[in-house]
């Protein structure tokens, strides 16, 4: 079985450190999932790929969004 990059234990330690977001004053699209963004960032750091090469399956709308 493949181990997730962001385990339950890691997420439970990191989640309280992420500031809560209020509504954006200028509107815009919905925010990306925090856990998906963290997973994508860790994947980039571990693999060495460019942010622009991230796919939608990683949890962000684009690499630059993460």
C-alpha atoms as a PDB file:
ATOM      1  CA  UNK A   1       0.000   0.000   0.000  1.00  0.00           C
ATOM      2  CA  UNK A   2       1.307   3.451  -0.911  1.00  0.00           C
ATOM      3  CA  UNK A   3       1.877   5.799   2.015  1.00  0.00           C
ATOM      4  CA  UNK A   4       0.355   9.272   1.580  1.00  0.00           C
ATOM      5  CA  UNK A   5       2.744  12.233   1.638  1.00  0.00           C
ATOM      6  CA  UNK A   6       0.600  13.866   4.323  1.00  0.00           C
ATOM      7  CA  UNK A   7      -0.272  11.218   6.887  1.00  0.00           C
ATOM      8  CA  UNK A   8      -3.085  11.632   9.410  1.00  0.00           C
ATOM      9  CA  UNK A   9      -0.540  12.293  12.148  1.00  0.00           C
ATOM     10  CA  UNK A  10       1.291  14.941  10.129  1.00  0.00           C
ATOM     11  CA  UNK A  11      -1.961  16.625   9.109  1.00  0.00           C
ATOM     12  CA  UNK A  12      -3.241  16.690  12.694  1.00  0.00           C
ATOM     13  CA  UNK A  13      -0.007  18.465  13.706  1.00  0.00           C
ATOM     14  CA  UNK A  14      -0.026  20.949  10.796  1.00  0.00           C
ATOM     15  CA  UNK A  15      -3.732  21.792  10.456  1.00  0.00           C
ATOM     16  CA  UNK A  16      -3.973  23.921  13.641  1.00  0.00           C
ATOM     17  CA  UNK A  17      -1.078  26.069  12.348  1.00  0.00           C
ATOM     18  CA  UNK A  18      -2.896  27.062   9.149  1.00  0.00           C
ATOM     19  CA  UNK A  19      -4.794  30.339   9.554  1.00  0.00           C
ATOM     20  CA  UNK A  20      -8.540  30.235   8.955  1.00  0.00           C
ATOM     21  CA  UNK A  21      -9.716  32.123   5.870  1.00  0.00           C
ATOM     22  CA  UNK A  22     -12.586  34.527   5.707  1.00  0.00           C
ATOM     23  CA  UNK A  23     -14.402  35.528   2.533  1.00  0.00           C
ATOM     24  CA  UNK A  24     -12.219  37.242  -0.043  1.00  0.00           C
ATOM     25  CA  UNK A  25     -13.280  40.902  -0.401  1.00  0.00           C
ATOM     26  CA  UNK A  26     -12.991  40.809  -4.185  1.00  0.00           C
ATOM     27  CA  UNK A  27     -14.859  37.547  -4.700  1.00  0.00           C
ATOM     28  CA  UNK A  28     -13.013  35.014  -6.812  1.00  0.00           C
ATOM     29  CA  UNK A  29     -13.174  31.252  -6.931  1.00  0.00           C
ATOM     30  CA  UNK A  30     -13.305  28.927  -3.967  1.00  0.00           C
ATOM     31  CA  UNK A  31     -10.019  28.374  -2.112  1.00  0.00           C
ATOM     32  CA  UNK A  32      -8.077  25.185  -2.716  1.00  0.00           C
ATOM     33  CA  UNK A  33      -8.053  22.444  -0.113  1.00  0.00           C
ATOM     34  CA  UNK A  34      -5.264  23.068   2.424  1.00  0.00           C
ATOM     35  CA  UNK A  35      -4.309  19.402   2.674  1.00  0.00           C
ATOM     36  CA  UNK A  36      -4.166  19.087  -1.108  1.00  0.00           C
ATOM     37  CA  UNK A  37      -1.960  22.177  -1.331  1.00  0.00           C
ATOM     38  CA  UNK A  38       0.406  20.798   1.319  1.00  0.00           C
ATOM     39  CA  UNK A  39       0.551  17.425  -0.445  1.00  0.00           C
ATOM     40  CA  UNK A  40       1.393  19.132  -3.730  1.00  0.00           C
ATOM     41  CA  UNK A  41       4.108  21.271  -2.172  1.00  0.00           C
ATOM     42  CA  UNK A  42       5.706  18.253  -0.467  1.00  0.00           C
ATOM     43  CA  UNK A  43       5.571  16.310  -3.739  1.00  0.00           C
ATOM     44  CA  UNK A  44       7.406  19.114  -5.547  1.00  0.00           C
ATOM     45  CA  UNK A  45      10.045  19.283  -2.818  1.00  0.00           C
ATOM     46  CA  UNK A  46      10.584  15.497  -2.781  1.00  0.00           C
ATOM     47  CA  UNK A  47      10.549  14.938  -6.538  1.00  0.00           C
ATOM     48  CA  UNK A  48      12.228  18.110  -7.754  1.00  0.00           C
ATOM     49  CA  UNK A  49       9.689  18.770 -10.512  1.00  0.00           C
ATOM     50  CA  UNK A  50       8.576  22.287 -11.398  1.00  0.00           C
ATOM     51  CA  UNK A  51       5.395  23.628  -9.816  1.00  0.00           C
ATOM     52  CA  UNK A  52       4.009  24.224 -13.305  1.00  0.00           C
ATOM     53  CA  UNK A  53       4.093  20.472 -13.996  1.00  0.00           C
ATOM     54  CA  UNK A  54       1.715  19.518 -11.175  1.00  0.00           C
ATOM     55  CA  UNK A  55      -1.488  17.878 -12.305  1.00  0.00           C
ATOM     56  CA  UNK A  56      -5.024  18.479 -11.051  1.00  0.00           C
ATOM     57  CA  UNK A  57      -4.978  15.092  -9.332  1.00  0.00           C
ATOM     58  CA  UNK A  58      -2.533  16.439  -6.758  1.00  0.00           C
ATOM     59  CA  UNK A  59      -5.241  18.545  -5.129  1.00  0.00           C
ATOM     60  CA  UNK A  60      -4.577  22.047  -6.470  1.00  0.00           C
ATOM     61  CA  UNK A  61      -6.100  23.795  -9.444  1.00  0.00           C
ATOM     62  CA  UNK A  62      -2.565  24.513 -10.709  1.00  0.00           C
ATOM     63  CA  UNK A  63       0.995  24.425  -9.475  1.00  0.00           C
ATOM     64  CA  UNK A  64       1.074  28.181  -9.079  1.00  0.00           C
ATOM     65  CA  UNK A  65      -2.042  28.029  -6.872  1.00  0.00           C
ATOM     66  CA  UNK A  66      -0.186  25.801  -4.424  1.00  0.00           C
END
